[in-house]
Amino acid sequence: MKEINVGDELEVMTPAGRFTLDPAPGLYAAVVGGSGITPVLSIVSTLLAREPRARFCLLRSDRTSASTMFLEEVADLKDRYPDRFQLVTALSREEQQAGLPSGRLDEERLTALLPSLLPVERVDGWFLCGPLGLVQGAERALRGLGVPRGRIHEEIFHVDGGTAAAAPSTAPAHSTVTARLDGRGGTWPVREGESLLDAVLRNRPDAPYACKGGVCGTCRAFLVSGEVRMDRNYALESEETEAGYVLACQSHPVTEKVELDFDR
């Protein structure tokens, strides 16, 4: 639907994101790039307002000061919580009169910078949000500094460099997908080359999805039986994949029968 009118009714999904933080005492930090500030701003605002024993360090990267989003909102947080909110800004294409030298926040730079800003080993949760390159570089830097993977939370806003190269096909000649969604199930054939999500959507247009790029995680489903190949995954944590969850939009059948549960 491209146009809506007064009186139109829309069906919307419930929030499905897992890039969240329940307010609790402790020290938290974020590395964000560009529009990656959007969810983190909400996280910081809620945390500082609800938990007086919490502190937050925000390291944000933008191209220029003119392209920086939510300048006033972040400045307001700094004014309201001067002792509990630390803000560090890096511009990649513009020199600043004060603060960090211009340049991108890559793995090498973050490895040197982060320990000088805060006690890395004492941070209870790291929130990385922005382009794929920034998020992956920040994760590598943190892991190199000894941060456990369980303390690192990620959300990718977009992926540079096009789509990932598809792995050699291992699909059987004929395969089916059985899917359970909103308490109802069905079994349908999977066409050659299509994802399990597309096979389900042909029969259940209410199947959940948003980006179809392996980034948002909306199509997350539990693999009940069978085996699949995921082209790429930028949304699920390692604990989720180890527990049996897959991204339906990136999954292709390896066995003749695959069963998914979108309700778990």
Protein backbone atom coordinates (compact mmCIF):
# COMPACT_ATOMS: atom_id res chain seq x y z
CA MET A 1 0.00 0.00 0.00
CA LYS A 2 1.47 3.32 -1.10
CA GLU A 3 -1.40 5.64 -0.19
CA ILE A 4 -3.72 5.73 2.79
CA ASN A 5 -6.82 7.78 3.44
CA VAL A 6 -8.71 8.94 6.50
CA GLY A 7 -10.60 5.99 7.91
CA ASP A 8 -8.33 3.29 6.48
CA GLU A 9 -7.39 0.52 8.88
CA LEU A 10 -3.93 -1.06 8.87
CA GLU A 11 -2.77 -4.31 10.41
CA VAL A 12 0.66 -3.98 12.00
CA MET A 13 3.02 -6.44 13.62
CA THR A 14 3.95 -6.34 17.26
CA PRO A 15 7.51 -5.13 18.04
CA ALA A 16 9.92 -7.92 17.16
CA GLY A 17 13.29 -6.40 17.95
CA ARG A 18 15.72 -7.81 20.50
CA PHE A 19 18.08 -4.81 20.54
CA THR A 20 16.81 -3.68 23.93
CA LEU A 21 17.96 -2.96 27.47
CA ASP A 22 15.89 -3.38 30.62
CA PRO A 23 16.96 -0.54 32.94
CA ALA A 24 19.35 -1.82 35.59
CA PRO A 25 22.26 -0.41 37.61
CA GLY A 26 25.62 -0.55 35.88
CA LEU A 27 27.83 0.91 33.20
CA TYR A 28 26.76 0.66 29.58
CA ALA A 29 28.23 1.87 26.31
CA ALA A 30 27.39 2.18 22.63
CA VAL A 31 29.21 2.65 19.36
CA VAL A 32 26.87 3.97 16.69
CA GLY A 33 27.17 5.26 13.16
CA GLY A 34 24.80 7.61 11.33
CA SER A 35 21.16 6.61 11.73
CA GLY A 36 22.28 3.91 14.17
CA ILE A 37 21.70 6.55 16.84
CA THR A 38 17.93 6.06 16.52
CA PRO A 39 17.36 2.98 18.73
CA VAL A 40 20.29 3.80 21.00
CA LEU A 41 18.89 7.24 21.81
CA SER A 42 15.73 5.58 23.10
CA ILE A 43 17.76 3.05 25.10
CA VAL A 44 19.90 5.76 26.72
CA SER A 45 16.97 8.07 27.50
CA THR A 46 14.96 5.32 29.16
CA LEU A 47 17.90 3.92 31.11
CA LEU A 48 19.04 7.23 32.58
CA ALA A 49 15.49 8.35 33.43
CA ARG A 50 14.49 5.12 35.17
CA GLU A 51 17.71 3.96 36.81
CA PRO A 52 19.66 6.58 38.82
CA ARG A 53 22.52 4.12 39.39
CA ALA A 54 23.19 3.62 35.68
CA ARG A 55 25.81 5.35 33.53
CA PHE A 56 26.19 5.40 29.77
CA CYS A 57 29.02 6.23 27.36
CA LEU A 58 27.97 7.01 23.79
CA LEU A 59 30.55 7.03 21.01
CA ARG A 60 28.92 8.19 17.81
CA SER A 61 30.34 8.46 14.31
CA ASP A 62 28.93 10.70 11.57
CA ARG A 63 30.23 12.08 8.29
CA THR A 64 29.75 15.78 9.08
CA SER A 65 28.12 17.85 11.79
CA ALA A 66 25.39 18.83 9.32
CA SER A 67 24.46 15.18 8.75
CA THR A 68 24.35 14.31 12.45
CA MET A 69 20.91 13.21 13.61
CA PHE A 70 19.27 14.13 16.93
CA LEU A 71 21.89 16.72 17.90
CA GLU A 72 19.55 18.60 20.23
CA GLU A 73 18.15 15.47 21.84
CA VAL A 74 21.60 14.08 22.64
CA ALA A 75 22.77 17.48 23.90
CA ASP A 76 19.72 17.60 26.18
CA LEU A 77 20.70 14.24 27.68
CA LYS A 78 24.18 15.59 28.35
CA ASP A 79 22.70 18.63 30.13
CA ARG A 80 20.28 16.56 32.22
CA TYR A 81 22.75 13.85 33.24
CA PRO A 82 26.21 15.45 33.20
CA ASP A 83 27.62 12.97 35.72
CA ARG A 84 26.07 9.83 34.19
CA PHE A 85 26.18 10.41 30.44
CA GLN A 86 29.43 10.60 28.49
CA LEU A 87 29.31 11.67 24.84
CA VAL A 88 32.18 11.29 22.35
CA THR A 89 31.72 12.37 18.73
CA ALA A 90 33.82 11.39 15.72
CA LEU A 91 33.37 12.93 12.26
CA SER A 92 34.79 11.07 9.28
CA ARG A 93 34.74 13.93 6.75
CA GLU A 94 35.08 17.06 8.84
CA GLU A 95 37.62 18.38 11.32
CA GLN A 96 36.39 19.36 14.77
CA GLN A 97 37.68 22.23 16.84
CA ALA A 98 37.73 19.93 19.84
CA GLY A 99 37.44 16.22 20.40
CA LEU A 100 38.59 13.35 18.23
CA PRO A 101 40.54 13.86 14.99
CA SER A 102 38.51 13.20 11.84
CA GLY A 103 38.45 9.70 10.40
CA ARG A 104 36.44 6.50 10.40
CA LEU A 105 36.05 4.39 13.51
CA ASP A 106 37.57 1.15 12.29
CA GLU A 107 38.76 -1.83 14.34
CA GLU A 108 42.29 -0.51 14.83
CA ARG A 109 41.18 2.92 15.93
CA LEU A 110 38.53 1.58 18.30
CA THR A 111 40.99 -0.85 19.86
CA ALA A 112 43.20 2.07 20.82
CA LEU A 113 40.42 4.51 21.67
CA LEU A 114 37.96 2.59 23.81
CA PRO A 115 40.28 1.81 26.76
CA SER A 116 41.10 5.52 27.00
CA LEU A 117 37.43 6.45 27.31
CA LEU A 118 36.19 3.97 29.91
CA PRO A 119 37.06 0.75 31.75
CA VAL A 120 36.16 -1.66 28.96
CA GLU A 121 36.18 -4.73 31.21
CA ARG A 122 33.61 -3.19 33.57
CA VAL A 123 30.98 -2.34 30.96
CA ASP A 124 27.86 -4.45 31.54
CA GLY A 125 26.52 -4.14 28.01
CA TRP A 126 27.76 -2.86 24.65
CA PHE A 127 25.30 -1.71 21.98
CA LEU A 128 26.59 -1.50 18.41
CA CYS A 129 24.33 -0.02 15.75
CA GLY A 130 24.90 1.29 12.25
CA PRO A 131 26.39 0.10 8.95
CA LEU A 132 27.75 -3.44 8.74
CA GLY A 133 31.39 -2.37 8.52
CA LEU A 134 31.23 -0.24 11.67
CA VAL A 135 29.39 -2.88 13.68
CA GLN A 136 31.72 -5.71 12.65
CA GLY A 137 34.83 -3.60 13.27
CA ALA A 138 33.56 -2.59 16.71
CA GLU A 139 32.75 -6.19 17.59
CA ARG A 140 36.24 -7.36 16.59
CA ALA A 141 37.80 -4.56 18.63
CA LEU A 142 35.77 -5.44 21.70
CA ARG A 143 36.48 -9.16 21.41
CA GLY A 144 40.17 -8.34 21.06
CA LEU A 145 39.92 -6.32 24.26
CA GLY A 146 38.50 -9.33 26.08
CA VAL A 147 34.79 -8.46 26.10
CA PRO A 148 32.60 -11.61 26.25
CA ARG A 149 30.33 -12.05 23.23
CA GLY A 150 27.30 -12.17 25.50
CA ARG A 151 27.80 -8.54 26.49
CA ILE A 152 27.77 -7.32 22.89
CA HIS A 153 24.43 -6.49 21.26
CA GLU A 154 24.15 -5.54 17.60
CA GLU A 155 21.70 -4.04 15.16
CA ILE A 156 22.69 -3.35 11.56
CA PHE A 157 20.93 -0.60 9.64
CA HIS A 158 22.27 -1.41 6.19
CA VAL A 159 24.81 -3.61 4.47
CA ASP A 160 27.37 -2.13 2.08
CA GLY A 161 28.81 -3.99 -0.86
CA GLY A 162 25.72 -5.72 -2.28
CA THR A 163 24.54 -9.20 -1.53
CA ALA A 164 26.65 -12.04 -0.28
CA ALA A 165 27.78 -14.64 -2.78
CA ALA A 166 25.48 -17.62 -2.74
CA ALA A 167 26.93 -20.91 -1.59
CA PRO A 168 26.94 -23.84 -4.01
CA SER A 169 23.47 -25.33 -4.25
CA THR A 170 22.85 -28.38 -2.08
CA ALA A 171 19.08 -28.39 -2.49
CA PRO A 172 17.32 -31.68 -3.20
CA ALA A 173 15.43 -32.08 -6.49
CA HIS A 174 12.09 -31.82 -4.69
CA SER A 175 11.57 -30.35 -1.24
CA THR A 176 8.73 -29.15 0.96
CA VAL A 177 8.45 -26.77 3.87
CA THR A 178 6.04 -27.26 6.73
CA ALA A 179 5.42 -24.06 8.64
CA ARG A 180 3.46 -23.23 11.78
CA LEU A 181 2.28 -19.62 12.05
CA ASP A 182 -0.29 -18.15 14.46
CA GLY A 183 -1.29 -21.62 15.53
CA ARG A 184 -1.99 -22.90 12.02
CA GLY A 185 0.27 -25.10 9.93
CA GLY A 186 0.64 -26.19 6.35
CA THR A 187 3.02 -27.96 3.98
CA TRP A 188 4.00 -26.56 0.59
CA PRO A 189 6.57 -27.24 -2.15
CA VAL A 190 9.71 -25.14 -2.37
CA ARG A 191 10.57 -23.98 -5.87
CA GLU A 192 14.10 -24.21 -7.18
CA GLY A 193 16.24 -21.36 -5.87
CA GLU A 194 13.62 -19.73 -3.67
CA SER A 195 13.95 -19.17 0.05
CA LEU A 196 11.78 -20.89 2.61
CA LEU A 197 10.17 -17.53 3.40
CA ASP A 198 9.12 -17.04 -0.23
CA ALA A 199 7.70 -20.56 -0.34
CA VAL A 200 5.64 -19.83 2.78
CA LEU A 201 4.54 -16.39 1.54
CA ARG A 202 3.04 -17.91 -1.61
CA ASN A 203 0.59 -19.71 0.66
CA ARG A 204 0.59 -17.61 3.83
CA PRO A 205 0.94 -13.91 2.92
CA ASP A 206 0.80 -13.08 6.63
CA ALA A 207 4.24 -14.64 7.25
CA PRO A 208 6.46 -12.11 9.06
CA TYR A 209 9.23 -10.31 7.19
CA ALA A 210 10.58 -6.81 6.58
CA CYS A 211 13.93 -6.54 4.79
CA LYS A 212 14.45 -9.98 3.18
CA GLY A 213 18.16 -9.22 3.46
CA GLY A 214 19.14 -11.11 6.59
CA VAL A 215 19.41 -7.87 8.58
CA CYS A 216 16.21 -7.18 10.51
CA GLY A 217 15.47 -10.61 11.99
CA THR A 218 11.70 -10.26 11.54
CA CYS A 219 11.43 -13.64 9.76
CA ARG A 220 13.15 -15.52 12.60
CA ALA A 221 11.81 -19.07 12.90
CA PHE A 222 12.66 -22.22 14.83
CA LEU A 223 13.96 -25.11 12.73
CA VAL A 224 11.91 -28.03 14.04
CA SER A 225 13.32 -30.62 11.65
CA GLY A 226 15.37 -30.92 8.51
CA GLU A 227 18.45 -29.00 7.46
CA VAL A 228 18.80 -25.60 5.79
CA ARG A 229 21.53 -23.42 4.35
CA MET A 230 21.50 -19.74 5.27
CA ASP A 231 23.04 -17.40 2.70
CA ARG A 232 23.86 -14.80 5.32
CA ASN A 233 22.91 -13.76 8.83
CA TYR A 234 23.31 -10.29 10.29
CA ALA A 235 20.41 -10.50 12.76
CA LEU A 236 20.63 -13.61 14.92
CA GLU A 237 23.00 -13.94 17.83
CA SER A 238 25.16 -17.06 18.02
CA GLU A 239 23.08 -18.32 20.96
CA GLU A 240 19.97 -18.17 18.78
CA THR A 241 21.46 -20.12 15.87
CA GLU A 242 22.87 -22.68 18.29
CA ALA A 243 19.39 -23.03 19.81
CA GLY A 244 17.97 -23.82 16.37
CA TYR A 245 16.69 -20.51 15.02
CA VAL A 246 17.13 -19.47 11.39
CA LEU A 247 16.25 -16.54 9.16
CA ALA A 248 13.58 -17.85 6.80
CA CYS A 249 14.39 -15.22 4.17
CA GLN A 250 17.96 -16.52 3.88
CA SER A 251 17.26 -20.24 4.33
CA HIS A 252 17.21 -22.83 1.55
CA PRO A 253 16.39 -26.53 2.04
CA VAL A 254 19.21 -29.04 2.19
CA THR A 255 16.90 -31.95 3.03
CA GLU A 256 13.71 -32.97 1.22
CA LYS A 257 11.56 -31.97 4.18
CA VAL A 258 12.01 -28.90 6.38
CA GLU A 259 9.75 -27.82 9.22
CA LEU A 260 9.68 -24.28 10.65
CA ASP A 261 7.84 -22.83 13.63
CA PHE A 262 7.30 -19.04 13.51
CA ASP A 263 5.40 -19.11 16.80
CA ARG A 264 8.26 -20.08 19.12
